PDB file of N, CA and C in Angstrom:
ATOM      1  N   MET A   1      -1.369   7.466  19.456  1.00  0.00           N
ATOM      2  CA  MET A   1      -1.803   6.228  19.475  1.00  0.00           C
ATOM      3  C   MET A   1      -2.024   5.758  17.870  1.00  0.00           C
ATOM      4  N   LYS A   2      -2.600   6.554  17.046  1.00  0.00           N
ATOM      5  CA  LYS A   2      -2.770   6.268  15.635  1.00  0.00           C
ATOM      6  C   LYS A   2      -1.516   6.101  14.890  1.00  0.00           C
ATOM      7  N   THR A   3      -0.494   6.817  15.342  1.00  0.00           N
ATOM      8  CA  THR A   3       0.836   6.712  14.788  1.00  0.00           C
ATOM      9  C   THR A   3       1.312   5.312  15.016  1.00  0.00           C
ATOM     10  N   ILE A   4       1.203   4.874  16.225  1.00  0.00           N
ATOM     11  CA  ILE A   4       1.682   3.323  16.663  1.00  0.00           C
ATOM     12  C   ILE A   4       0.869   2.460  15.814  1.00  0.00           C
ATOM     13  N   LYS A   5      -0.347   2.537  15.647  1.00  0.00           N
ATOM     14  CA  LYS A   5      -1.254   1.511  14.902  1.00  0.00           C
ATOM     15  C   LYS A   5      -0.831   1.472  13.515  1.00  0.00           C
ATOM     16  N   ASN A   6      -0.445   2.795  12.867  1.00  0.00           N
ATOM     17  CA  ASN A   6       0.019   2.710  11.516  1.00  0.00           C
ATOM     18  C   ASN A   6       1.302   2.124  11.405  1.00  0.00           C
ATOM     19  N   PHE A   7       2.249   2.310  12.351  1.00  0.00           N
ATOM     20  CA  PHE A   7       3.543   1.614  12.285  1.00  0.00           C
ATOM     21  C   PHE A   7       3.488   0.168  12.404  1.00  0.00           C
ATOM     22  N   VAL A   8       2.505  -0.414  13.218  1.00  0.00           N
ATOM     23  CA  VAL A   8       2.340  -1.762  13.458  1.00  0.00           C
ATOM     24  C   VAL A   8       1.815  -2.352  12.110  1.00  0.00           C
ATOM     25  N   LEU A   9       0.854  -1.677  11.613  1.00  0.00           N
ATOM     26  CA  LEU A   9       0.300  -2.062  10.241  1.00  0.00           C
ATOM     27  C   LEU A   9       1.369  -2.219   9.232  1.00  0.00           C
ATOM     28  N   ILE A  10       2.082  -1.237   9.036  1.00  0.00           N
ATOM     29  CA  ILE A  10       3.095  -1.190   7.925  1.00  0.00           C
ATOM     30  C   ILE A  10       4.172  -2.291   8.276  1.00  0.00           C
ATOM     31  N   SER A  11       4.608  -2.321   9.485  1.00  0.00           N
ATOM     32  CA  SER A  11       5.618  -3.364   9.845  1.00  0.00           C
ATOM     33  C   SER A  11       5.043  -4.707   9.553  1.00  0.00           C
ATOM     34  N   ALA A  12       3.812  -5.033   9.857  1.00  0.00           N
ATOM     35  CA  ALA A  12       3.213  -6.328   9.625  1.00  0.00           C
ATOM     36  C   ALA A  12       3.056  -6.677   8.244  1.00  0.00           C
ATOM     37  N   LEU A  13       2.770  -5.646   7.375  1.00  0.00           N
ATOM     38  CA  LEU A  13       2.711  -5.968   5.962  1.00  0.00           C
ATOM     39  C   LEU A  13       4.162  -6.104   5.345  1.00  0.00           C
ATOM     40  N   SER A  14       5.198  -5.496   5.820  1.00  0.00           N
ATOM     41  CA  SER A  14       6.439  -5.615   5.483  1.00  0.00           C
ATOM     42  C   SER A  14       7.072  -6.828   5.819  1.00  0.00           C
ATOM     43  N   LEU A  15       6.657  -7.558   6.871  1.00  0.00           N
ATOM     44  CA  LEU A  15       7.309  -8.861   7.258  1.00  0.00           C
ATOM     45  C   LEU A  15       6.495 -10.018   6.782  1.00  0.00           C
ATOM     46  N   ALA A  16       5.476  -9.798   6.131  1.00  0.00           N
ATOM     47  CA  ALA A  16       4.758 -10.933   5.607  1.00  0.00           C
ATOM     48  C   ALA A  16       5.407 -11.594   4.525  1.00  0.00           C
ATOM     49  N   THR A  17       5.151 -12.984   4.259  1.00  0.00           N
ATOM     50  CA  THR A  17       5.840 -13.763   3.368  1.00  0.00           C
ATOM     51  C   THR A  17       5.103 -13.607   1.982  1.00  0.00           C
ATOM     52  N   PHE A  18       5.879 -13.283   0.940  1.00  0.00           N
ATOM     53  CA  PHE A  18       5.388 -13.006  -0.457  1.00  0.00           C
ATOM     54  C   PHE A  18       5.865 -14.093  -1.425  1.00  0.00           C
ATOM     55  N   GLY A  19       5.118 -14.222  -2.520  1.00  0.00           N
ATOM     56  CA  GLY A  19       5.570 -15.045  -3.651  1.00  0.00           C
ATOM     57  C   GLY A  19       6.799 -14.363  -4.253  1.00  0.00           C
ATOM     58  N   SER A  20       7.480 -15.137  -5.252  1.00  0.00           N
ATOM     59  CA  SER A  20       8.717 -14.605  -5.819  1.00  0.00           C
ATOM     60  C   SER A  20       8.426 -13.253  -6.621  1.00  0.00           C
ATOM     61  N   PHE A  21       7.157 -13.115  -7.132  1.00  0.00           N
ATOM     62  CA  PHE A  21       6.927 -11.961  -7.920  1.00  0.00           C
ATOM     63  C   PHE A  21       6.092 -10.954  -7.297  1.00  0.00           C
ATOM     64  N   ALA A  22       5.585 -11.244  -6.124  1.00  0.00           N
ATOM     65  CA  ALA A  22       4.605 -10.380  -5.525  1.00  0.00           C
ATOM     66  C   ALA A  22       5.393  -9.526  -4.425  1.00  0.00           C
ATOM     67  N   GLN A  23       4.813  -8.291  -4.321  1.00  0.00           N
ATOM     68  CA  GLN A  23       5.399  -7.360  -3.441  1.00  0.00           C
ATOM     69  C   GLN A  23       4.363  -6.473  -2.913  1.00  0.00           C
ATOM     70  N   THR A  24       4.369  -6.196  -1.600  1.00  0.00           N
ATOM     71  CA  THR A  24       3.244  -5.230  -1.125  1.00  0.00           C
ATOM     72  C   THR A  24       3.760  -3.886  -0.835  1.00  0.00           C
ATOM     73  N   ILE A  25       2.999  -2.955  -1.259  1.00  0.00           N
ATOM     74  CA  ILE A  25       3.350  -1.539  -1.148  1.00  0.00           C
ATOM     75  C   ILE A  25       2.165  -0.844  -0.502  1.00  0.00           C
ATOM     76  N   THR A  26       2.530   0.438   0.133  1.00  0.00           N
ATOM     77  CA  THR A  26       1.512   1.201   0.714  1.00  0.00           C
ATOM     78  C   THR A  26       1.758   2.656   0.279  1.00  0.00           C
ATOM     79  N   ALA A  27       0.629   3.378   0.546  1.00  0.00           N
ATOM     80  CA  ALA A  27       0.722   4.961   0.138  1.00  0.00           C
ATOM     81  C   ALA A  27      -0.208   5.496   0.952  1.00  0.00           C
ATOM     82  N   SER A  28      -0.013   6.847   1.335  1.00  0.00           N
ATOM     83  CA  SER A  28      -0.950   7.615   2.093  1.00  0.00           C
ATOM     84  C   SER A  28      -1.186   8.908   1.355  1.00  0.00           C
ATOM     85  N   ALA A  29      -2.267   9.534   1.437  1.00  0.00           N
ATOM     86  CA  ALA A  29      -2.542  10.871   0.931  1.00  0.00           C
ATOM     87  C   ALA A  29      -3.765  11.349   1.579  1.00  0.00           C
ATOM     88  N   SER A  30      -4.262  12.607   1.258  1.00  0.00           N
ATOM     89  CA  SER A  30      -5.440  13.167   1.827  1.00  0.00           C
ATOM     90  C   SER A  30      -6.737  12.608   1.301  1.00  0.00           C
ATOM     91  N   THR A  31      -6.685  11.950   0.163  1.00  0.00           N
ATOM     92  CA  THR A  31      -7.915  11.280  -0.291  1.00  0.00           C
ATOM     93  C   THR A  31      -7.479   9.842  -0.844  1.00  0.00           C
ATOM     94  N   LEU A  32      -8.605   9.117  -0.930  1.00  0.00           N
ATOM     95  CA  LEU A  32      -8.388   7.743  -1.422  1.00  0.00           C
ATOM     96  C   LEU A  32      -7.976   7.687  -2.841  1.00  0.00           C
ATOM     97  N   ASP A  33      -8.493   8.622  -3.654  1.00  0.00           N
ATOM     98  CA  ASP A  33      -8.079   8.709  -5.082  1.00  0.00           C
ATOM     99  C   ASP A  33      -6.691   9.098  -5.138  1.00  0.00           C
ATOM    100  N   ALA A  34      -6.080   9.957  -4.321  1.00  0.00           N
ATOM    101  CA  ALA A  34      -4.755  10.357  -4.507  1.00  0.00           C
ATOM    102  C   ALA A  34      -3.752   9.238  -3.924  1.00  0.00           C
ATOM    103  N   ALA A  35      -4.240   8.484  -2.894  1.00  0.00           N
ATOM    104  CA  ALA A  35      -3.496   7.360  -2.525  1.00  0.00           C
ATOM    105  C   ALA A  35      -3.258   6.276  -3.430  1.00  0.00           C
ATOM    106  N   GLU A  36      -4.564   5.995  -4.269  1.00  0.00           N
ATOM    107  CA  GLU A  36      -4.436   5.057  -5.339  1.00  0.00           C
ATOM    108  C   GLU A  36      -3.589   5.505  -6.371  1.00  0.00           C
ATOM    109  N   ALA A  37      -3.565   6.812  -6.776  1.00  0.00           N
ATOM    110  CA  ALA A  37      -2.759   7.341  -7.806  1.00  0.00           C
ATOM    111  C   ALA A  37      -1.198   7.095  -7.419  1.00  0.00           C
ATOM    112  N   LYS A  38      -0.917   7.179  -6.152  1.00  0.00           N
ATOM    113  CA  LYS A  38       0.442   7.011  -5.807  1.00  0.00           C
ATOM    114  C   LYS A  38       0.773   5.494  -5.985  1.00  0.00           C
ATOM    115  N   ILE A  39      -0.097   4.586  -5.566  1.00  0.00           N
ATOM    116  CA  ILE A  39       0.044   3.129  -5.839  1.00  0.00           C
ATOM    117  C   ILE A  39       0.240   2.810  -7.318  1.00  0.00           C
ATOM    118  N   ALA A  40      -0.663   3.354  -8.144  1.00  0.00           N
ATOM    119  CA  ALA A  40      -0.501   3.280  -9.582  1.00  0.00           C
ATOM    120  C   ALA A  40       0.933   3.714 -10.160  1.00  0.00           C
ATOM    121  N   ALA A  41       1.315   4.826  -9.699  1.00  0.00           N
ATOM    122  CA  ALA A  41       2.737   5.368 -10.106  1.00  0.00           C
ATOM    123  C   ALA A  41       3.852   4.426  -9.766  1.00  0.00           C
ATOM    124  N   GLN A  42       3.658   3.926  -8.468  1.00  0.00           N
ATOM    125  CA  GLN A  42       4.829   2.961  -7.973  1.00  0.00           C
ATOM    126  C   GLN A  42       4.689   1.682  -8.876  1.00  0.00           C
ATOM    127  N   ALA A  43       3.481   1.108  -9.151  1.00  0.00           N
ATOM    128  CA  ALA A  43       3.439  -0.064  -9.975  1.00  0.00           C
ATOM    129  C   ALA A  43       3.921   0.209 -11.356  1.00  0.00           C
ATOM    130  N   HIS A  44       3.572   1.294 -11.957  1.00  0.00           N
ATOM    131  CA  HIS A  44       4.158   1.749 -13.215  1.00  0.00           C
ATOM    132  C   HIS A  44       5.582   1.733 -13.208  1.00  0.00           C
ATOM    133  N   GLN A  45       6.215   2.391 -12.287  1.00  0.00           N
ATOM    134  CA  GLN A  45       7.707   2.422 -12.151  1.00  0.00           C
ATOM    135  C   GLN A  45       8.266   1.044 -12.061  1.00  0.00           C
ATOM    136  N   ALA A  46       7.744   0.189 -11.402  1.00  0.00           N
ATOM    137  CA  ALA A  46       8.203  -1.051 -11.167  1.00  0.00           C
ATOM    138  C   ALA A  46       7.791  -2.092 -12.435  1.00  0.00           C
ATOM    139  N   GLY A  47       7.003  -1.553 -13.306  1.00  0.00           N
ATOM    140  CA  GLY A  47       6.743  -2.411 -14.434  1.00  0.00           C
ATOM    141  C   GLY A  47       5.709  -3.614 -14.113  1.00  0.00           C
ATOM    142  N   ALA A  48       4.789  -3.265 -13.107  1.00  0.00           N
ATOM    143  CA  ALA A  48       3.985  -4.292 -12.600  1.00  0.00           C
ATOM    144  C   ALA A  48       2.401  -3.775 -12.591  1.00  0.00           C
ATOM    145  N   SER A  49       1.593  -4.828 -12.347  1.00  0.00           N
ATOM    146  CA  SER A  49       0.208  -4.479 -12.176  1.00  0.00           C
ATOM    147  C   SER A  49      -0.003  -4.448 -10.683  1.00  0.00           C
ATOM    148  N   TYR A  50      -1.171  -4.001 -10.318  1.00  0.00           N
ATOM    149  CA  TYR A  50      -1.447  -3.988  -8.712  1.00  0.00           C
ATOM    150  C   TYR A  50      -2.783  -4.456  -8.527  1.00  0.00           C
ATOM    151  N   LYS A  51      -2.927  -4.876  -7.324  1.00  0.00           N
ATOM    152  CA  LYS A  51      -4.325  -5.196  -6.715  1.00  0.00           C
ATOM    153  C   LYS A  51      -4.409  -4.575  -5.309  1.00  0.00           C
ATOM    154  N   ILE A  52      -5.369  -3.784  -5.157  1.00  0.00           N
ATOM    155  CA  ILE A  52      -5.494  -3.216  -3.819  1.00  0.00           C
ATOM    156  C   ILE A  52      -6.050  -4.254  -2.817  1.00  0.00           C
ATOM    157  N   ILE A  53      -5.332  -4.430  -1.738  1.00  0.00           N
ATOM    158  CA  ILE A  53      -5.717  -5.362  -0.770  1.00  0.00           C
ATOM    159  C   ILE A  53      -6.157  -4.747   0.577  1.00  0.00           C
ATOM    160  N   GLY A  54      -6.185  -3.457   0.643  1.00  0.00           N
ATOM    161  CA  GLY A  54      -6.707  -2.858   1.847  1.00  0.00           C
ATOM    162  C   GLY A  54      -6.675  -1.279   1.722  1.00  0.00           C
ATOM    163  N   ALA A  55      -7.680  -0.811   2.322  1.00  0.00           N
ATOM    164  CA  ALA A  55      -7.775   0.820   2.270  1.00  0.00           C
ATOM    165  C   ALA A  55      -8.543   1.302   3.477  1.00  0.00           C
ATOM    166  N   ARG A  56      -7.970   2.425   4.103  1.00  0.00           N
ATOM    167  CA  ARG A  56      -8.858   2.979   5.105  1.00  0.00           C
ATOM    168  C   ARG A  56      -8.804   4.544   5.026  1.00  0.00           C
ATOM    169  N   PHE A  57      -9.707   5.264   5.675  1.00  0.00           N
ATOM    170  CA  PHE A  57      -9.649   6.602   5.805  1.00  0.00           C
ATOM    171  C   PHE A  57      -9.844   7.133   7.214  1.00  0.00           C
ATOM    172  N   ASP A  58      -8.810   7.551   7.853  1.00  0.00           N
ATOM    173  CA  ASP A  58      -8.822   7.963   9.127  1.00  0.00           C
ATOM    174  C   ASP A  58      -7.703   9.188   9.294  1.00  0.00           C
ATOM    175  N   ASN A  59      -8.229  10.287   9.190  1.00  0.00           N
ATOM    176  CA  ASN A  59      -7.367  11.468   9.188  1.00  0.00           C
ATOM    177  C   ASN A  59      -6.429  11.497   8.054  1.00  0.00           C
ATOM    178  N   GLY A  60      -6.813  10.984   6.892  1.00  0.00           N
ATOM    179  CA  GLY A  60      -5.980  10.725   5.687  1.00  0.00           C
ATOM    180  C   GLY A  60      -6.440   9.450   5.165  1.00  0.00           C
ATOM    181  N   ALA A  61      -5.956   9.151   3.951  1.00  0.00           N
ATOM    182  CA  ALA A  61      -6.326   7.798   3.277  1.00  0.00           C
ATOM    183  C   ALA A  61      -4.918   7.101   3.238  1.00  0.00           C
ATOM    184  N   TYR A  62      -5.259   5.781   3.498  1.00  0.00           N
ATOM    185  CA  TYR A  62      -4.070   4.735   3.545  1.00  0.00           C
ATOM    186  C   TYR A  62      -4.552   3.637   2.762  1.00  0.00           C
ATOM    187  N   VAL A  63      -3.623   3.253   1.795  1.00  0.00           N
ATOM    188  CA  VAL A  63      -4.095   2.128   0.871  1.00  0.00           C
ATOM    189  C   VAL A  63      -2.713   1.086   0.778  1.00  0.00           C
ATOM    190  N   SER A  64      -3.079  -0.124   0.714  1.00  0.00           N
ATOM    191  CA  SER A  64      -2.015  -1.053   0.561  1.00  0.00           C
ATOM    192  C   SER A  64      -2.323  -1.910  -0.678  1.00  0.00           C
ATOM    193  N   ALA A  65      -1.421  -2.269  -1.422  1.00  0.00           N
ATOM    194  CA  ALA A  65      -1.639  -3.079  -2.720  1.00  0.00           C
ATOM    195  C   ALA A  65      -0.558  -4.088  -2.913  1.00  0.00           C
ATOM    196  N   GLU A  66      -0.825  -5.027  -3.653  1.00  0.00           N
ATOM    197  CA  GLU A  66       0.176  -6.089  -4.009  1.00  0.00           C
ATOM    198  C   GLU A  66       0.513  -5.932  -5.385  1.00  0.00           C
ATOM    199  N   LEU A  67       1.823  -5.912  -5.745  1.00  0.00           N
ATOM    200  CA  LEU A  67       2.360  -5.700  -7.094  1.00  0.00           C
ATOM    201  C   LEU A  67       2.627  -7.153  -7.709  1.00  0.00           C
ATOM    202  N   THR A  68       2.282  -7.186  -8.769  1.00  0.00           N
ATOM    203  CA  THR A  68       2.546  -8.528  -9.556  1.00  0.00           C
ATOM    204  C   THR A  68       3.066  -8.246 -10.955  1.00  0.00           C
ATOM    205  N   LYS A  69       3.958  -9.112 -11.330  1.00  0.00           N
ATOM    206  CA  LYS A  69       4.659  -8.827 -12.544  1.00  0.00           C
ATOM    207  C   LYS A  69       4.205 -10.029 -13.595  1.00  0.00           C
TER     208      LYS A  69
END
């Protein structure tokens, strides 16, 4: 059931409408700090800044963020 909820959450975030320079990304890890580090690495690779828009901890940490250039 948790897998289905995660899939629905990620799908909903992927289908949302974004501005021309905004992009939403997600990451998961065993801790919130590790998940945020993955977000930071993705933002750095894209040459963008990020703003965390959601986070939760349920058998692992899940973070979503919006990239802006």
